Amino acid sequence: MLRYLITRALSLGASLVVASLVIFTMIEVIPGDPASFMLGLNASEDTVAALRDELGLNGTLSTRYLNWIGGLVAGDFGTSYTYRVPVAELVVERLQVSLPLAIFALLLSTLIAIPVGLIAATRRGEMTDYTIMGATQMGIAVPNFWFAMLLVLVFAVQLRWFSAGGFPGWDAGIGPALKSLTLPAIALALPQASILARVMRSSLLDVLHQDYMRTARAKGLSIAQATRRHALRNALIPVLTIIGLQFSFLLAGAIIIENVFFLPGLGRLIFQAITQRDLVVVESVVMLLVFAVILVTFLVDVAYAVVDPRLRRRA
């Protein structure tokens, strides 16, 4: 197990280094002078020179890259040019919205998808299976921003059960905060649950035709008992992959939903930083999100090894 974890950690560490080089090149090398890009064409030379000195852009590319990486490791993400506050403070503030929203949506997606996929697999070829597959296909096809606006129209405008947008903050209480995240979480969870349910069904169908399942049935177990005791665990491996990818997407890719509901999350922060040409925020936050994706991938690999011991023996 230890050898497997070390191998995966080294592989993901290499991926992190490559990702940091790509991000640094895209933001600090390809645009030319970052200071000139941030200030625009009409900025004076003195203003550009002052900003270049403030951002530490006078050194060589290698020095700037190492200083940037060293700052990230030390927790120093720089200071936002637009907000004039440390980027770390902005990230912590926005994570208080994005992280609970991603977890909320992922929980909804998983709690819906796994039982639905299980029912569809055990009732293959029946009307229940066809109904579930049709519903999941519709869930994938419907754009989440359109579904979000529909939720606002029905539950906020007409029924007035929820607010149309905004976030009151956790100081207002857990209840009001979670209530404000409910509609965005549902809008994010619908397509993810549809994808996950179809993967769960396909994975279970593959497992249900294995020899050990036929042996379990021959010993007198019902299809439900054999599925619960033997099939479900083996079918979870591809499901874990999708769950890991979905969490990364929900954390980093909820820009549209955060804008529909006016949520001050990480996605909206990146969107605002891009429109305001705040490259300091863009560079650091994107790198942080890449690290989060790689960390989730590593945790999924660990879960693989726990679910399927054969992976540990192959390492």
Protein backbone atom coordinates (compact mmCIF):
# COMPACT_ATOMS: atom_id res chain seq x y z
CA MET A 1 0.00 0.00 0.00
CA LEU A 2 2.81 2.40 0.93
CA ARG A 3 4.61 1.75 -2.34
CA TYR A 4 1.40 2.39 -4.27
CA LEU A 5 0.79 5.68 -2.44
CA ILE A 6 4.37 6.87 -3.01
CA THR A 7 4.14 6.04 -6.72
CA ARG A 8 0.87 7.92 -7.12
CA ALA A 9 2.12 10.89 -5.09
CA LEU A 10 5.24 11.22 -7.25
CA SER A 11 3.17 11.02 -10.43
CA LEU A 12 0.72 13.64 -9.25
CA GLY A 13 3.56 15.83 -7.99
CA ALA A 14 5.07 15.79 -11.48
CA SER A 15 1.67 16.75 -12.87
CA LEU A 16 1.54 19.68 -10.46
CA VAL A 17 4.95 20.95 -11.60
CA VAL A 18 3.94 20.71 -15.28
CA ALA A 19 0.65 22.50 -14.56
CA SER A 20 2.46 25.32 -12.74
CA LEU A 21 4.80 25.80 -15.70
CA VAL A 22 1.87 25.95 -18.12
CA ILE A 23 -0.03 28.47 -15.96
CA PHE A 24 3.06 30.64 -15.50
CA THR A 25 3.75 30.60 -19.25
CA MET A 26 0.16 31.38 -20.20
CA ILE A 27 -0.14 34.33 -17.82
CA GLU A 28 3.33 35.85 -17.50
CA VAL A 29 5.09 34.94 -20.76
CA ILE A 30 2.62 34.71 -23.65
CA PRO A 31 0.85 38.07 -23.02
CA GLY A 32 4.23 39.83 -23.08
CA ASP A 33 4.64 42.33 -20.27
CA PRO A 34 2.00 41.49 -17.62
CA ALA A 35 2.11 45.02 -16.21
CA SER A 36 1.34 46.58 -19.61
CA PHE A 37 -1.44 44.07 -20.17
CA MET A 38 -3.03 44.82 -16.79
CA LEU A 39 -2.89 48.60 -17.18
CA GLY A 40 -3.94 48.78 -20.82
CA LEU A 41 -2.58 50.62 -23.84
CA ASN A 42 -3.03 54.14 -22.47
CA ALA A 43 -0.92 53.69 -19.35
CA SER A 44 2.21 55.82 -19.03
CA GLU A 45 5.68 54.29 -18.89
CA ASP A 46 6.17 55.44 -15.31
CA THR A 47 2.95 53.77 -14.18
CA VAL A 48 3.86 50.53 -15.96
CA ALA A 49 7.35 50.60 -14.46
CA ALA A 50 5.92 51.14 -10.96
CA LEU A 51 3.52 48.22 -11.33
CA ARG A 52 6.30 46.03 -12.76
CA ASP A 53 8.40 46.81 -9.72
CA GLU A 54 5.45 46.20 -7.36
CA LEU A 55 4.76 42.77 -8.89
CA GLY A 56 8.42 41.77 -9.01
CA LEU A 57 8.51 41.49 -12.80
CA ASN A 58 12.01 42.91 -13.26
CA GLY A 59 13.80 39.61 -12.64
CA THR A 60 14.42 36.76 -15.05
CA LEU A 61 11.65 34.32 -15.89
CA SER A 62 13.24 31.57 -13.81
CA THR A 63 13.60 33.86 -10.80
CA ARG A 64 9.99 35.03 -11.12
CA TYR A 65 8.75 31.45 -11.42
CA LEU A 66 10.69 30.26 -8.37
CA ASN A 67 9.55 33.29 -6.34
CA TRP A 68 5.94 32.60 -7.33
CA ILE A 69 6.15 28.91 -6.40
CA GLY A 70 7.96 29.74 -3.16
CA GLY A 71 5.24 32.21 -2.26
CA LEU A 72 2.50 29.66 -2.97
CA VAL A 73 4.22 27.05 -0.80
CA ALA A 74 4.52 29.62 2.00
CA GLY A 75 0.88 30.63 1.62
CA ASP A 76 1.67 34.00 0.02
CA PHE A 77 -0.48 34.26 -3.12
CA GLY A 78 0.37 37.90 -3.71
CA THR A 79 -1.79 41.01 -3.46
CA SER A 80 -4.71 41.67 -5.74
CA TYR A 81 -4.17 44.68 -7.98
CA THR A 82 -7.92 45.38 -8.11
CA TYR A 83 -8.99 44.77 -4.51
CA ARG A 84 -5.68 45.75 -2.87
CA VAL A 85 -5.94 42.89 -0.38
CA PRO A 86 -3.96 39.64 -0.17
CA VAL A 87 -5.23 37.03 -2.61
CA ALA A 88 -5.23 34.48 0.23
CA GLU A 89 -7.90 36.52 2.02
CA LEU A 90 -10.04 36.60 -1.12
CA VAL A 91 -9.64 32.84 -1.58
CA VAL A 92 -10.59 32.06 2.03
CA GLU A 93 -13.60 34.37 1.78
CA ARG A 94 -14.84 32.86 -1.50
CA LEU A 95 -14.13 29.27 -0.41
CA GLN A 96 -16.72 29.74 2.33
CA VAL A 97 -19.26 29.72 -0.48
CA SER A 98 -17.74 27.52 -3.20
CA LEU A 99 -16.61 24.63 -1.00
CA PRO A 100 -19.94 24.11 0.84
CA LEU A 101 -21.77 24.54 -2.48
CA ALA A 102 -19.61 21.88 -4.16
CA ILE A 103 -20.02 19.45 -1.24
CA PHE A 104 -23.78 20.10 -1.07
CA ALA A 105 -24.21 19.50 -4.81
CA LEU A 106 -22.00 16.40 -4.74
CA LEU A 107 -23.95 14.91 -1.83
CA LEU A 108 -27.23 15.51 -3.63
CA SER A 109 -25.84 14.04 -6.84
CA THR A 110 -24.46 10.93 -5.13
CA LEU A 111 -27.51 10.30 -2.95
CA ILE A 112 -29.73 10.45 -6.02
CA ALA A 113 -27.52 8.69 -8.56
CA ILE A 114 -26.35 5.55 -6.73
CA PRO A 115 -29.82 4.21 -5.75
CA VAL A 116 -31.26 5.25 -9.13
CA GLY A 117 -28.46 3.48 -10.99
CA LEU A 118 -28.87 0.44 -8.76
CA ILE A 119 -32.61 0.25 -9.46
CA ALA A 120 -32.06 0.67 -13.21
CA ALA A 121 -29.43 -2.09 -13.30
CA THR A 122 -31.48 -4.60 -11.32
CA ARG A 123 -34.55 -3.90 -13.48
CA ARG A 124 -32.81 -3.92 -16.84
CA GLY A 125 -35.18 -4.07 -19.80
CA GLU A 126 -38.22 -3.16 -17.72
CA MET A 127 -40.28 0.02 -17.90
CA THR A 128 -38.53 1.32 -14.77
CA ASP A 129 -35.16 1.04 -16.51
CA TYR A 130 -36.41 2.82 -19.64
CA THR A 131 -37.99 5.58 -17.56
CA ILE A 132 -34.82 6.16 -15.54
CA MET A 133 -32.59 6.18 -18.62
CA GLY A 134 -34.90 8.66 -20.36
CA ALA A 135 -34.92 10.91 -17.32
CA THR A 136 -31.12 10.82 -17.00
CA GLN A 137 -30.72 11.60 -20.70
CA MET A 138 -32.94 14.65 -20.23
CA GLY A 139 -30.95 15.65 -17.15
CA ILE A 140 -27.73 15.58 -19.16
CA ALA A 141 -29.24 17.47 -22.10
CA VAL A 142 -30.79 20.32 -20.08
CA PRO A 143 -28.27 23.20 -19.58
CA ASN A 144 -27.74 23.80 -15.88
CA PHE A 145 -28.03 27.59 -16.25
CA TRP A 146 -31.46 27.16 -17.87
CA PHE A 147 -32.50 24.77 -15.11
CA ALA A 148 -31.18 27.28 -12.55
CA MET A 149 -33.33 30.06 -13.99
CA LEU A 150 -36.32 27.71 -14.00
CA LEU A 151 -35.73 26.95 -10.32
CA VAL A 152 -35.58 30.67 -9.57
CA LEU A 153 -38.81 31.29 -11.49
CA VAL A 154 -40.73 28.51 -9.74
CA PHE A 155 -39.36 28.39 -6.20
CA ALA A 156 -38.20 31.99 -5.72
CA VAL A 157 -40.52 34.15 -7.83
CA GLN A 158 -43.79 32.18 -7.78
CA LEU A 159 -43.71 30.06 -4.61
CA ARG A 160 -41.28 32.33 -2.72
CA TRP A 161 -39.78 29.43 -0.79
CA PHE A 162 -36.22 30.55 -1.49
CA SER A 163 -34.43 33.79 -2.30
CA ALA A 164 -33.60 34.46 -5.95
CA GLY A 165 -29.91 34.92 -5.20
CA GLY A 166 -27.26 36.21 -2.87
CA PHE A 167 -25.57 34.70 0.15
CA PRO A 168 -26.28 35.98 3.69
CA GLY A 169 -23.03 34.60 5.11
CA TRP A 170 -22.50 31.96 7.76
CA ASP A 171 -22.86 34.60 10.47
CA ALA A 172 -26.58 34.65 9.70
CA GLY A 173 -26.82 31.00 10.74
CA ILE A 174 -26.39 27.61 9.13
CA GLY A 175 -30.07 27.41 8.18
CA PRO A 176 -30.27 30.63 6.13
CA ALA A 177 -26.86 29.95 4.55
CA LEU A 178 -27.76 26.41 3.45
CA LYS A 179 -31.16 27.63 2.26
CA SER A 180 -29.48 30.16 -0.03
CA LEU A 181 -27.26 27.38 -1.45
CA THR A 182 -30.09 24.89 -2.00
CA LEU A 183 -31.27 26.04 -5.43
CA PRO A 184 -27.72 26.45 -6.80
CA ALA A 185 -26.80 23.00 -5.45
CA ILE A 186 -29.85 21.43 -7.12
CA ALA A 187 -29.02 23.16 -10.41
CA LEU A 188 -25.46 21.83 -10.25
CA ALA A 189 -26.46 18.35 -9.04
CA LEU A 190 -29.01 17.52 -11.77
CA PRO A 191 -26.62 16.88 -14.69
CA GLN A 192 -24.01 15.33 -12.40
CA ALA A 193 -26.56 12.92 -10.91
CA SER A 194 -27.72 11.96 -14.40
CA ILE A 195 -24.16 11.15 -15.51
CA LEU A 196 -23.35 9.29 -12.31
CA ALA A 197 -26.56 7.22 -12.45
CA ARG A 198 -25.78 6.04 -15.97
CA VAL A 199 -22.21 5.13 -15.00
CA MET A 200 -23.51 3.28 -11.94
CA ARG A 201 -25.97 1.31 -14.05
CA SER A 202 -23.38 0.37 -16.68
CA SER A 203 -20.82 -0.64 -14.07
CA LEU A 204 -23.33 -2.77 -12.17
CA LEU A 205 -24.49 -4.49 -15.34
CA ASP A 206 -20.90 -5.48 -16.10
CA VAL A 207 -20.43 -6.85 -12.60
CA LEU A 208 -23.76 -8.69 -12.47
CA HIS A 209 -22.64 -10.96 -15.33
CA GLN A 210 -19.42 -12.05 -13.64
CA ASP A 211 -18.92 -15.69 -12.61
CA TYR A 212 -18.81 -14.92 -8.89
CA MET A 213 -22.25 -13.33 -9.13
CA ARG A 214 -23.66 -16.47 -10.72
CA THR A 215 -22.02 -18.48 -7.94
CA ALA A 216 -23.59 -16.24 -5.32
CA ARG A 217 -27.02 -16.68 -6.90
CA ALA A 218 -26.50 -20.45 -7.08
CA LYS A 219 -25.84 -20.47 -3.32
CA GLY A 220 -29.32 -19.13 -2.75
CA LEU A 221 -28.78 -15.36 -2.52
CA SER A 222 -31.42 -13.16 -4.07
CA ILE A 223 -30.42 -10.64 -6.73
CA ALA A 224 -30.71 -7.85 -4.15
CA GLN A 225 -28.55 -9.71 -1.60
CA ALA A 226 -25.91 -10.67 -4.18
CA THR A 227 -25.81 -7.11 -5.48
CA ARG A 228 -25.45 -5.61 -2.02
CA ARG A 229 -22.82 -8.08 -0.78
CA HIS A 230 -20.71 -8.64 -3.88
CA ALA A 231 -21.56 -6.44 -6.86
CA LEU A 232 -21.88 -2.99 -5.35
CA ARG A 233 -18.32 -2.72 -4.05
CA ASN A 234 -16.77 -3.87 -7.32
CA ALA A 235 -19.01 -1.53 -9.32
CA LEU A 236 -17.87 1.50 -7.31
CA ILE A 237 -14.44 1.85 -8.98
CA PRO A 238 -15.58 3.74 -12.12
CA VAL A 239 -18.14 5.56 -9.98
CA LEU A 240 -15.36 6.89 -7.73
CA THR A 241 -13.61 8.27 -10.81
CA ILE A 242 -16.71 10.22 -11.82
CA ILE A 243 -17.31 11.46 -8.28
CA GLY A 244 -13.73 12.78 -8.10
CA LEU A 245 -14.06 14.53 -11.46
CA GLN A 246 -17.44 15.94 -10.49
CA PHE A 247 -16.14 17.41 -7.24
CA SER A 248 -13.31 19.11 -9.10
CA PHE A 249 -15.79 20.48 -11.65
CA LEU A 250 -18.22 21.65 -8.97
CA LEU A 251 -15.46 23.45 -7.09
CA ALA A 252 -13.81 25.10 -10.09
CA GLY A 253 -16.45 25.15 -12.80
CA ALA A 254 -19.53 26.65 -11.18
CA ILE A 255 -18.92 30.10 -12.71
CA ILE A 256 -22.25 30.31 -14.55
CA ILE A 257 -24.33 29.11 -11.61
CA GLU A 258 -22.56 31.48 -9.22
CA ASN A 259 -23.36 34.35 -11.56
CA VAL A 260 -27.00 33.30 -11.98
CA PHE A 261 -27.50 33.27 -8.19
CA PHE A 262 -25.09 36.15 -7.43
CA LEU A 263 -22.96 33.96 -5.18
CA PRO A 264 -19.53 35.33 -4.15
CA GLY A 265 -17.62 32.13 -4.89
CA LEU A 266 -14.29 31.21 -6.46
CA GLY A 267 -15.76 30.86 -9.94
CA ARG A 268 -17.16 34.37 -9.83
CA LEU A 269 -13.87 35.66 -8.42
CA ILE A 270 -11.95 34.25 -11.39
CA PHE A 271 -14.51 35.66 -13.81
CA GLN A 272 -14.26 39.13 -12.24
CA ALA A 273 -10.45 38.95 -12.14
CA ILE A 274 -10.31 38.10 -15.85
CA THR A 275 -12.60 40.97 -16.80
CA GLN A 276 -10.57 43.34 -14.59
CA ARG A 277 -7.21 41.99 -15.90
CA ASP A 278 -6.11 41.14 -12.37
CA LEU A 279 -3.49 38.57 -13.38
CA VAL A 280 -2.24 38.14 -9.82
CA VAL A 281 -5.61 36.74 -8.75
CA VAL A 282 -6.07 34.68 -11.91
CA GLU A 283 -2.62 33.07 -11.69
CA SER A 284 -2.80 32.15 -8.02
CA VAL A 285 -6.42 31.02 -7.91
CA VAL A 286 -6.11 28.88 -11.04
CA MET A 287 -3.02 27.23 -9.57
CA LEU A 288 -4.89 26.62 -6.33
CA LEU A 289 -7.76 25.01 -8.20
CA VAL A 290 -5.33 22.82 -10.16
CA PHE A 291 -3.84 21.71 -6.84
CA ALA A 292 -7.33 20.91 -5.56
CA VAL A 293 -8.07 18.82 -8.66
CA ILE A 294 -4.78 16.90 -8.32
CA LEU A 295 -5.38 16.37 -4.59
CA VAL A 296 -8.87 14.99 -5.28
CA THR A 297 -7.37 12.70 -7.93
CA PHE A 298 -4.87 11.40 -5.37
CA LEU A 299 -7.65 10.77 -2.84
CA VAL A 300 -9.64 8.91 -5.50
CA ASP A 301 -6.58 6.74 -6.21
CA VAL A 302 -6.36 5.97 -2.50
CA ALA A 303 -10.03 5.03 -2.51
CA TYR A 304 -9.35 2.76 -5.51
CA ALA A 305 -6.70 0.91 -3.52
CA VAL A 306 -9.06 0.47 -0.60
CA VAL A 307 -11.92 -0.80 -2.77
CA ASP A 308 -9.77 -2.97 -5.08
CA PRO A 309 -6.67 -4.51 -3.40
CA ARG A 310 -5.43 -5.72 -6.82
CA LEU A 311 -4.27 -2.18 -7.58
CA ARG A 312 -1.92 -2.28 -4.59
CA ARG A 313 -0.32 -5.48 -5.83
CA ARG A 314 0.27 -4.02 -9.29
CA ALA A 315 2.15 -0.99 -7.96
